[in-house]
């Protein structure tokens, strides 16, 4: 008799959860999104939880991170490094390589040329390419957001969300 009662309760709980999800149109929580930039000449800002790895030829990298949950910030090749505050550091130079990971929200701003970066996590950001057809700059790199096809970095600042919906399958 106990087994029957337990089985009936389990079946009822599963049916109730499925019915509630369908009734609310729930698709589950957002999953990690991705951003990939190739050969960028741009200003890129990321406000996210997750990880970023990349490099650029010449420019500036600003990192604001709480590092309260054991996060990691590794920057190589910076010619100059300035601590703006306890949480914010600015790195300048050529051929800078970096890796930033944290489960807490952090902010990364890249203002550089020849940017190659990959980010995985949840958050949002902005892309602003340096293309200027009147000035003779026609190519400012390409980007892919949340597994979409690569396309040209926009010449005006564009906001994006770094998250993808769970697959329906």
N, C-alpha and C. Protein backbone atom coordinates (compact mmCIF):
# COMPACT_ATOMS: atom_id res chain seq x y z
N UNK A 1 0.81 -1.19 0.00
CA UNK A 1 0.00 0.00 0.00
C UNK A 1 0.86 1.27 0.00
N UNK A 2 1.96 1.28 0.74
CA UNK A 2 2.84 2.45 0.78
C UNK A 2 3.42 2.75 -0.59
N UNK A 3 3.84 1.73 -1.31
CA UNK A 3 4.42 1.90 -2.64
C UNK A 3 3.42 2.54 -3.59
N UNK A 4 2.15 2.08 -3.51
CA UNK A 4 1.11 2.66 -4.37
C UNK A 4 0.91 4.14 -4.06
N UNK A 5 0.89 4.50 -2.78
CA UNK A 5 0.70 5.89 -2.37
C UNK A 5 1.86 6.75 -2.84
N UNK A 6 3.08 6.24 -2.65
CA UNK A 6 4.27 6.97 -3.08
C UNK A 6 4.28 7.17 -4.59
N UNK A 7 3.92 6.12 -5.32
CA UNK A 7 3.87 6.20 -6.79
C UNK A 7 2.81 7.19 -7.24
N UNK A 8 1.66 7.18 -6.58
CA UNK A 8 0.59 8.11 -6.93
C UNK A 8 1.00 9.55 -6.66
N UNK A 9 1.65 9.81 -5.53
CA UNK A 9 2.12 11.15 -5.21
C UNK A 9 3.19 11.63 -6.20
N UNK A 10 4.12 10.78 -6.56
CA UNK A 10 5.16 11.15 -7.51
C UNK A 10 4.57 11.46 -8.88
N UNK A 11 3.64 10.63 -9.34
CA UNK A 11 3.00 10.85 -10.64
C UNK A 11 2.22 12.16 -10.63
N UNK A 12 1.50 12.42 -9.54
CA UNK A 12 0.73 13.66 -9.43
C UNK A 12 1.65 14.88 -9.44
N UNK A 13 2.78 14.81 -8.73
CA UNK A 13 3.72 15.93 -8.68
C UNK A 13 4.30 16.22 -10.06
N UNK A 14 4.68 15.18 -10.79
CA UNK A 14 5.23 15.37 -12.14
C UNK A 14 4.18 15.96 -13.07
N UNK A 15 2.96 15.46 -13.02
CA UNK A 15 1.89 15.97 -13.87
C UNK A 15 1.58 17.42 -13.53
N UNK A 16 1.56 17.76 -12.24
CA UNK A 16 1.29 19.12 -11.82
C UNK A 16 2.39 20.08 -12.30
N UNK A 17 3.64 19.68 -12.17
CA UNK A 17 4.76 20.51 -12.62
C UNK A 17 4.70 20.72 -14.14
N UNK A 18 4.42 19.67 -14.90
CA UNK A 18 4.33 19.79 -16.35
C UNK A 18 3.17 20.68 -16.76
N UNK A 19 2.03 20.52 -16.10
CA UNK A 19 0.85 21.33 -16.42
C UNK A 19 1.11 22.80 -16.11
N UNK A 20 1.74 23.08 -14.97
CA UNK A 20 2.05 24.45 -14.59
C UNK A 20 3.00 25.09 -15.59
N UNK A 21 4.03 24.35 -16.00
CA UNK A 21 5.00 24.88 -16.96
C UNK A 21 4.33 25.21 -18.28
N UNK A 22 3.45 24.33 -18.76
CA UNK A 22 2.76 24.57 -20.02
C UNK A 22 1.80 25.74 -19.88
N UNK A 23 1.10 25.80 -18.78
CA UNK A 23 0.12 26.87 -18.57
C UNK A 23 0.80 28.24 -18.51
N UNK A 24 1.96 28.30 -17.91
CA UNK A 24 2.67 29.57 -17.79
C UNK A 24 3.53 29.88 -19.00
N UNK A 25 3.64 28.94 -19.91
CA UNK A 25 4.48 29.15 -21.07
C UNK A 25 5.95 29.15 -20.70
N UNK A 26 6.30 28.51 -19.61
CA UNK A 26 7.67 28.51 -19.12
C UNK A 26 8.57 27.73 -20.05
N UNK A 27 9.71 28.30 -20.36
CA UNK A 27 10.70 27.65 -21.21
C UNK A 27 11.96 27.31 -20.43
N UNK A 28 11.95 27.57 -19.16
CA UNK A 28 13.14 27.31 -18.36
C UNK A 28 14.01 28.55 -18.30
N UNK A 29 15.03 28.51 -17.48
CA UNK A 29 15.89 29.68 -17.32
C UNK A 29 16.75 29.91 -18.56
N UNK A 30 17.18 31.15 -18.72
CA UNK A 30 18.08 31.48 -19.83
C UNK A 30 19.39 30.72 -19.65
N UNK A 31 20.00 30.35 -20.75
CA UNK A 31 21.26 29.64 -20.73
C UNK A 31 22.39 30.62 -21.06
N UNK A 32 23.63 30.17 -20.83
CA UNK A 32 24.77 31.01 -21.16
C UNK A 32 24.72 31.42 -22.62
N UNK A 33 25.01 32.68 -22.86
CA UNK A 33 25.12 33.18 -24.22
C UNK A 33 26.60 33.26 -24.61
N UNK A 34 26.84 33.56 -25.87
CA UNK A 34 28.21 33.65 -26.37
C UNK A 34 28.38 34.91 -27.21
N UNK A 35 29.60 35.44 -27.16
CA UNK A 35 30.00 36.54 -28.04
C UNK A 35 31.38 36.20 -28.57
N UNK A 36 31.54 36.28 -29.87
CA UNK A 36 32.83 36.07 -30.50
C UNK A 36 33.10 37.25 -31.42
N UNK A 37 34.28 37.85 -31.28
CA UNK A 37 34.66 38.98 -32.13
C UNK A 37 35.95 38.60 -32.84
N UNK A 38 35.99 38.84 -34.15
CA UNK A 38 37.18 38.56 -34.97
C UNK A 38 37.70 39.86 -35.59
N UNK A 39 38.98 40.12 -35.37
CA UNK A 39 39.67 41.22 -36.01
C UNK A 39 38.94 42.56 -35.84
N UNK A 40 38.46 42.80 -34.60
CA UNK A 40 37.65 43.98 -34.34
C UNK A 40 38.46 45.25 -34.16
N UNK A 41 37.91 46.34 -34.63
CA UNK A 41 38.38 47.71 -34.35
C UNK A 41 37.17 48.37 -33.74
N UNK A 42 37.12 48.36 -32.38
CA UNK A 42 35.87 48.73 -31.74
C UNK A 42 36.06 49.03 -30.26
N UNK A 43 34.96 49.47 -29.68
CA UNK A 43 34.82 49.54 -28.23
C UNK A 43 33.77 48.51 -27.86
N UNK A 44 34.14 47.59 -26.99
CA UNK A 44 33.24 46.52 -26.56
C UNK A 44 33.11 46.59 -25.05
N UNK A 45 31.89 46.58 -24.56
CA UNK A 45 31.63 46.57 -23.13
C UNK A 45 30.81 45.33 -22.81
N UNK A 46 31.24 44.58 -21.79
CA UNK A 46 30.52 43.41 -21.31
C UNK A 46 30.25 43.57 -19.83
N UNK A 47 29.00 43.36 -19.42
CA UNK A 47 28.61 43.32 -18.02
C UNK A 47 28.02 41.93 -17.83
N UNK A 48 28.76 41.04 -17.16
CA UNK A 48 28.35 39.64 -17.20
C UNK A 48 28.88 38.83 -16.03
N UNK A 49 28.36 37.61 -15.95
CA UNK A 49 28.90 36.54 -15.11
C UNK A 49 29.36 35.46 -16.08
N UNK A 50 30.55 34.94 -15.91
CA UNK A 50 31.05 33.91 -16.81
C UNK A 50 32.52 34.07 -17.08
N UNK A 51 32.90 33.96 -18.35
CA UNK A 51 34.32 34.05 -18.69
C UNK A 51 34.55 34.75 -20.02
N UNK A 52 35.68 35.45 -20.08
CA UNK A 52 36.10 36.16 -21.30
C UNK A 52 37.57 35.85 -21.51
N UNK A 53 37.92 35.53 -22.74
CA UNK A 53 39.33 35.32 -23.09
C UNK A 53 39.57 36.03 -24.41
N UNK A 54 40.73 36.69 -24.52
CA UNK A 54 40.97 37.41 -25.76
C UNK A 54 42.32 38.06 -25.82
N UNK A 55 42.48 38.81 -26.90
CA UNK A 55 43.71 39.57 -27.14
C UNK A 55 43.40 40.71 -28.08
N UNK A 56 44.30 41.70 -28.08
CA UNK A 56 44.19 42.77 -29.07
C UNK A 56 45.57 43.30 -29.37
N UNK A 57 45.69 43.99 -30.52
CA UNK A 57 46.99 44.48 -30.98
C UNK A 57 47.42 45.74 -30.24
N UNK A 58 46.52 46.69 -30.11
CA UNK A 58 46.87 47.95 -29.44
C UNK A 58 45.61 48.56 -28.88
N UNK A 59 45.68 48.99 -27.60
CA UNK A 59 44.52 49.62 -27.02
C UNK A 59 44.51 49.60 -25.52
N UNK A 60 43.27 49.64 -24.98
CA UNK A 60 43.07 49.76 -23.54
C UNK A 60 42.02 48.74 -23.08
N UNK A 61 42.28 48.13 -21.94
CA UNK A 61 41.37 47.18 -21.31
C UNK A 61 41.06 47.67 -19.91
N UNK A 62 39.78 47.82 -19.59
CA UNK A 62 39.35 48.22 -18.26
C UNK A 62 38.55 47.09 -17.65
N UNK A 63 38.94 46.67 -16.44
CA UNK A 63 38.27 45.55 -15.76
C UNK A 63 37.79 46.03 -14.40
N UNK A 64 36.49 45.84 -14.16
CA UNK A 64 35.90 46.10 -12.85
C UNK A 64 35.33 44.78 -12.35
N UNK A 65 35.88 44.28 -11.24
CA UNK A 65 35.52 42.94 -10.78
C UNK A 65 35.59 42.90 -9.27
N UNK A 66 34.59 42.29 -8.65
CA UNK A 66 34.59 42.21 -7.19
C UNK A 66 35.56 41.15 -6.68
N UNK A 67 35.80 40.11 -7.45
CA UNK A 67 36.68 39.00 -7.07
C UNK A 67 36.31 38.41 -5.71
N UNK A 68 35.05 38.57 -5.32
CA UNK A 68 34.62 38.05 -4.02
C UNK A 68 34.43 36.53 -4.04
N UNK A 69 34.11 35.96 -5.17
CA UNK A 69 33.85 34.53 -5.26
C UNK A 69 35.02 33.78 -5.89
N UNK A 70 36.23 34.24 -5.68
CA UNK A 70 37.38 33.54 -6.22
C UNK A 70 37.56 33.72 -7.71
N UNK A 71 37.14 34.84 -8.25
CA UNK A 71 37.29 35.10 -9.68
C UNK A 71 38.74 35.24 -10.07
N UNK A 72 38.97 35.25 -11.39
CA UNK A 72 40.32 35.30 -11.93
C UNK A 72 40.43 36.42 -12.95
N UNK A 73 41.46 37.24 -12.83
CA UNK A 73 41.79 38.24 -13.85
C UNK A 73 43.28 38.06 -14.15
N UNK A 74 43.57 37.66 -15.39
CA UNK A 74 44.96 37.49 -15.83
C UNK A 74 45.15 38.36 -17.07
N UNK A 75 46.11 39.27 -17.02
CA UNK A 75 46.41 40.15 -18.15
C UNK A 75 47.90 40.06 -18.42
N UNK A 76 48.27 39.79 -19.66
CA UNK A 76 49.68 39.68 -20.05
C UNK A 76 49.99 40.70 -21.15
N UNK A 77 51.17 41.28 -21.08
CA UNK A 77 51.64 42.16 -22.14
C UNK A 77 51.32 43.63 -21.95
N UNK A 78 50.67 43.99 -20.85
CA UNK A 78 50.34 45.40 -20.65
C UNK A 78 51.60 46.21 -20.39
N UNK A 79 51.73 47.33 -21.09
CA UNK A 79 52.87 48.23 -20.90
C UNK A 79 52.65 49.15 -19.71
N UNK A 80 51.36 49.38 -19.39
CA UNK A 80 51.03 50.24 -18.27
C UNK A 80 49.77 49.71 -17.60
N UNK A 81 49.74 49.77 -16.27
CA UNK A 81 48.61 49.28 -15.49
C UNK A 81 48.33 50.29 -14.38
N UNK A 82 47.06 50.73 -14.28
CA UNK A 82 46.69 51.71 -13.26
C UNK A 82 45.46 51.21 -12.51
N UNK A 83 45.55 51.17 -11.19
CA UNK A 83 44.41 50.83 -10.35
C UNK A 83 43.61 52.10 -10.10
N UNK A 84 42.45 52.19 -10.74
CA UNK A 84 41.57 53.36 -10.60
C UNK A 84 40.90 53.34 -9.24
N UNK A 85 40.50 52.15 -8.80
CA UNK A 85 39.88 51.96 -7.49
C UNK A 85 40.23 50.55 -7.02
N UNK A 86 39.68 50.16 -5.89
CA UNK A 86 39.93 48.83 -5.35
C UNK A 86 39.45 47.74 -6.31
N UNK A 87 38.42 48.05 -7.09
CA UNK A 87 37.82 47.05 -7.98
C UNK A 87 38.11 47.26 -9.46
N UNK A 88 38.65 48.42 -9.85
CA UNK A 88 38.83 48.74 -11.27
C UNK A 88 40.30 48.95 -11.61
N UNK A 89 40.74 48.26 -12.67
CA UNK A 89 42.11 48.40 -13.16
C UNK A 89 42.07 48.64 -14.66
N UNK A 90 42.92 49.54 -15.14
CA UNK A 90 43.03 49.85 -16.56
C UNK A 90 44.41 49.39 -17.04
N UNK A 91 44.42 48.68 -18.18
CA UNK A 91 45.65 48.18 -18.79
C UNK A 91 45.78 48.78 -20.17
N UNK A 92 46.99 49.31 -20.53
CA UNK A 92 47.26 49.86 -21.85
C UNK A 92 48.43 49.11 -22.46
N UNK A 93 48.45 49.09 -23.80
CA UNK A 93 49.63 48.55 -24.44
C UNK A 93 49.36 47.86 -25.76
N UNK A 94 50.38 47.13 -26.20
CA UNK A 94 50.34 46.39 -27.46
C UNK A 94 50.41 44.90 -27.17
N UNK A 95 49.72 44.15 -27.99
CA UNK A 95 49.72 42.69 -27.90
C UNK A 95 49.30 42.22 -26.49
N UNK A 96 48.21 42.76 -26.00
CA UNK A 96 47.69 42.38 -24.68
C UNK A 96 46.82 41.14 -24.83
N UNK A 97 47.06 40.18 -23.94
CA UNK A 97 46.25 38.96 -23.85
C UNK A 97 45.61 38.93 -22.47
N UNK A 98 44.37 38.43 -22.39
CA UNK A 98 43.69 38.46 -21.10
C UNK A 98 42.71 37.31 -20.94
N UNK A 99 42.44 37.00 -19.66
CA UNK A 99 41.45 35.97 -19.29
C UNK A 99 40.78 36.45 -18.01
N UNK A 100 39.45 36.50 -18.02
CA UNK A 100 38.68 36.97 -16.88
C UNK A 100 37.54 35.99 -16.65
N UNK A 101 37.44 35.49 -15.41
CA UNK A 101 36.35 34.57 -15.07
C UNK A 101 35.86 34.88 -13.67
N UNK A 102 34.54 34.89 -13.51
CA UNK A 102 33.98 35.10 -12.18
C UNK A 102 32.51 34.70 -12.19
N UNK A 103 32.06 34.15 -11.07
CA UNK A 103 30.64 33.82 -10.90
C UNK A 103 29.84 35.03 -10.45
N UNK A 104 30.54 36.09 -10.05
CA UNK A 104 29.89 37.35 -9.72
C UNK A 104 29.94 38.24 -10.96
N UNK A 105 29.08 39.23 -10.98
CA UNK A 105 29.02 40.13 -12.13
C UNK A 105 30.31 40.96 -12.21
N UNK A 106 30.87 41.08 -13.41
CA UNK A 106 32.03 41.93 -13.64
C UNK A 106 31.81 42.71 -14.92
N UNK A 107 32.63 43.75 -15.09
CA UNK A 107 32.52 44.60 -16.28
C UNK A 107 33.88 44.64 -16.96
N UNK A 108 33.87 44.44 -18.28
CA UNK A 108 35.07 44.51 -19.10
C UNK A 108 34.80 45.50 -20.23
N UNK A 109 35.72 46.44 -20.41
CA UNK A 109 35.61 47.37 -21.53
C UNK A 109 36.90 47.28 -22.32
N UNK A 110 36.77 47.01 -23.61
CA UNK A 110 37.91 46.90 -24.52
C UNK A 110 37.78 48.02 -25.54
N UNK A 111 38.80 48.83 -25.65
CA UNK A 111 38.84 49.93 -26.62
C UNK A 111 40.15 49.74 -27.39
N UNK A 112 40.06 49.03 -28.53
CA UNK A 112 41.31 48.58 -29.16
C UNK A 112 41.12 48.24 -30.63
N UNK A 113 42.25 47.90 -31.26
CA UNK A 113 42.25 47.41 -32.64
C UNK A 113 42.73 45.97 -32.67
N UNK A 114 42.34 45.26 -33.73
CA UNK A 114 42.70 43.85 -33.92
C UNK A 114 42.25 43.00 -32.72
N UNK A 115 40.99 43.21 -32.29
CA UNK A 115 40.43 42.49 -31.15
C UNK A 115 39.98 41.11 -31.59
N UNK A 116 40.39 40.10 -30.85
CA UNK A 116 39.86 38.74 -30.98
C UNK A 116 39.46 38.32 -29.58
N UNK A 117 38.16 38.12 -29.38
CA UNK A 117 37.67 37.83 -28.03
C UNK A 117 36.53 36.82 -28.10
N UNK A 118 36.45 35.99 -27.05
CA UNK A 118 35.34 35.06 -26.88
C UNK A 118 34.82 35.21 -25.46
N UNK A 119 33.50 35.32 -25.32
CA UNK A 119 32.87 35.44 -24.01
C UNK A 119 31.75 34.41 -23.92
N UNK A 120 31.64 33.79 -22.75
CA UNK A 120 30.57 32.83 -22.48
C UNK A 120 30.00 33.16 -21.11
N UNK A 121 28.70 33.36 -21.03
CA UNK A 121 28.08 33.64 -19.75
C UNK A 121 26.74 34.32 -19.93
N UNK A 122 26.32 35.02 -18.87
CA UNK A 122 25.04 35.72 -18.90
C UNK A 122 25.26 37.18 -18.53
N UNK A 123 24.59 38.06 -19.27
CA UNK A 123 24.70 39.48 -19.00
C UNK A 123 24.28 40.28 -20.21
N UNK A 124 24.91 41.43 -20.38
CA UNK A 124 24.61 42.28 -21.53
C UNK A 124 25.86 43.08 -21.87
N UNK A 125 25.73 43.89 -22.90
CA UNK A 125 26.88 44.70 -23.31
C UNK A 125 26.56 45.60 -24.47
N UNK A 126 27.64 46.22 -25.00
CA UNK A 126 27.53 47.12 -26.15
C UNK A 126 28.68 46.86 -27.12
N UNK A 127 28.40 47.02 -28.39
CA UNK A 127 29.41 46.97 -29.46
C UNK A 127 29.37 48.30 -30.19
N UNK A 128 30.53 48.86 -30.47
CA UNK A 128 30.60 50.11 -31.21
C UNK A 128 31.84 50.07 -32.10
N UNK A 129 31.65 49.74 -33.37
CA UNK A 129 32.76 49.64 -34.32
C UNK A 129 33.28 51.00 -34.73
N UNK A 130 34.52 51.00 -35.18
CA UNK A 130 35.17 52.24 -35.58
C UNK A 130 35.10 52.49 -37.09
N UNK A 131 34.24 51.77 -37.78
CA UNK A 131 34.10 51.98 -39.21
C UNK A 131 33.68 53.39 -39.55
N UNK A 132 34.28 53.95 -40.60
CA UNK A 132 33.98 55.31 -41.02
C UNK A 132 34.21 55.40 -42.52
N UNK A 133 33.18 55.10 -43.32
CA UNK A 133 33.35 55.13 -44.78
C UNK A 133 33.89 56.46 -45.30
N UNK A 134 33.49 57.57 -44.69
CA UNK A 134 33.98 58.88 -45.14
C UNK A 134 35.47 59.03 -44.84
N UNK A 135 35.93 58.36 -43.79
CA UNK A 135 37.35 58.41 -43.42
C UNK A 135 38.16 57.28 -44.04
N UNK A 136 37.51 56.46 -44.86
CA UNK A 136 38.21 55.38 -45.54
C UNK A 136 38.33 54.08 -44.73
N UNK A 137 37.63 53.98 -43.60
CA UNK A 137 37.65 52.75 -42.80
C UNK A 137 36.35 52.00 -43.07
N UNK A 138 36.47 50.94 -43.88
CA UNK A 138 35.28 50.19 -44.28
C UNK A 138 35.11 48.90 -43.49
N UNK A 139 36.17 48.38 -42.90
CA UNK A 139 36.09 47.11 -42.18
C UNK A 139 36.50 47.31 -40.73
N UNK A 140 35.60 47.00 -39.82
CA UNK A 140 35.93 47.10 -38.40
C UNK A 140 35.73 45.78 -37.67
N UNK A 141 35.76 44.68 -38.41
CA UNK A 141 35.69 43.35 -37.82
C UNK A 141 34.31 42.73 -37.90
N UNK A 142 34.23 41.49 -37.40
CA UNK A 142 32.97 40.76 -37.41
C UNK A 142 32.69 40.22 -36.00
N UNK A 143 31.42 39.91 -35.76
CA UNK A 143 31.04 39.34 -34.47
C UNK A 143 29.92 38.33 -34.65
N UNK A 144 29.84 37.40 -33.72
CA UNK A 144 28.76 36.44 -33.64
C UNK A 144 28.21 36.50 -32.23
N UNK A 145 26.90 36.63 -32.10
CA UNK A 145 26.26 36.74 -30.80
C UNK A 145 25.31 35.57 -30.61
N UNK A 146 25.46 34.85 -29.50
CA UNK A 146 24.59 33.74 -29.13
C UNK A 146 24.42 32.73 -30.27
N UNK A 147 25.53 32.35 -30.86
CA UNK A 147 25.61 31.33 -31.92
C UNK A 147 24.98 31.74 -33.24
N UNK A 148 24.70 33.03 -33.45
CA UNK A 148 24.22 33.49 -34.75
C UNK A 148 25.40 33.52 -35.72
N UNK A 149 25.11 33.73 -36.99
CA UNK A 149 26.16 33.84 -38.01
C UNK A 149 26.98 35.11 -37.77
N UNK A 150 28.24 35.11 -38.22
CA UNK A 150 29.09 36.29 -38.11
C UNK A 150 28.58 37.38 -39.03
N UNK A 151 28.67 38.62 -38.53
CA UNK A 151 28.30 39.79 -39.34
C UNK A 151 29.19 40.96 -38.95
N UNK A 152 29.15 42.02 -39.71
CA UNK A 152 30.01 43.18 -39.48
C UNK A 152 29.67 43.85 -38.15
N UNK A 153 30.70 44.30 -37.45
CA UNK A 153 30.47 45.05 -36.22
C UNK A 153 29.80 46.37 -36.60
N UNK A 154 28.71 46.74 -35.92
CA UNK A 154 28.02 47.98 -36.27
C UNK A 154 28.88 49.21 -36.01
N UNK A 155 28.70 50.23 -36.85
CA UNK A 155 29.47 51.47 -36.73
C UNK A 155 28.92 52.41 -35.67
N UNK A 156 27.75 52.10 -35.15
CA UNK A 156 27.15 52.86 -34.06
C UNK A 156 26.95 51.93 -32.89
N UNK A 157 26.96 52.47 -31.68
CA UNK A 157 26.82 51.64 -30.49
C UNK A 157 25.50 50.89 -30.49
N UNK A 158 25.60 49.56 -30.29
CA UNK A 158 24.43 48.69 -30.26
C UNK A 158 24.46 47.88 -28.97
N UNK A 159 23.34 47.84 -28.28
CA UNK A 159 23.20 47.07 -27.04
C UNK A 159 22.82 45.63 -27.39
N UNK A 160 23.29 44.66 -26.61
CA UNK A 160 22.93 43.25 -26.82
C UNK A 160 22.80 42.54 -25.48
N UNK A 161 22.06 41.42 -25.50
CA UNK A 161 21.94 40.54 -24.34
C UNK A 161 22.78 39.31 -24.59
N UNK A 162 23.52 38.94 -23.58
CA UNK A 162 24.38 37.76 -23.65
C UNK A 162 23.67 36.64 -22.91
N UNK A 163 22.76 35.97 -23.61
CA UNK A 163 22.02 34.84 -23.07
C UNK A 163 21.23 34.23 -24.21
N UNK A 164 21.05 32.94 -24.15
CA UNK A 164 20.25 32.29 -25.17
C UNK A 164 19.15 31.51 -24.50
N UNK A 165 18.03 31.40 -25.18
CA UNK A 165 16.93 30.61 -24.65
C UNK A 165 17.25 29.14 -24.76
N UNK A 166 16.74 28.33 -23.82
CA UNK A 166 16.98 26.90 -23.94
C UNK A 166 16.32 26.36 -25.19
N UNK A 167 16.91 25.35 -25.77
CA UNK A 167 16.36 24.77 -27.00
C UNK A 167 15.03 24.10 -26.71
N UNK A 168 14.15 24.16 -27.68
CA UNK A 168 12.81 23.61 -27.51
C UNK A 168 12.78 22.11 -27.67
N UNK A 169 13.87 21.50 -28.16
CA UNK A 169 13.86 20.08 -28.45
C UNK A 169 14.24 19.33 -27.27
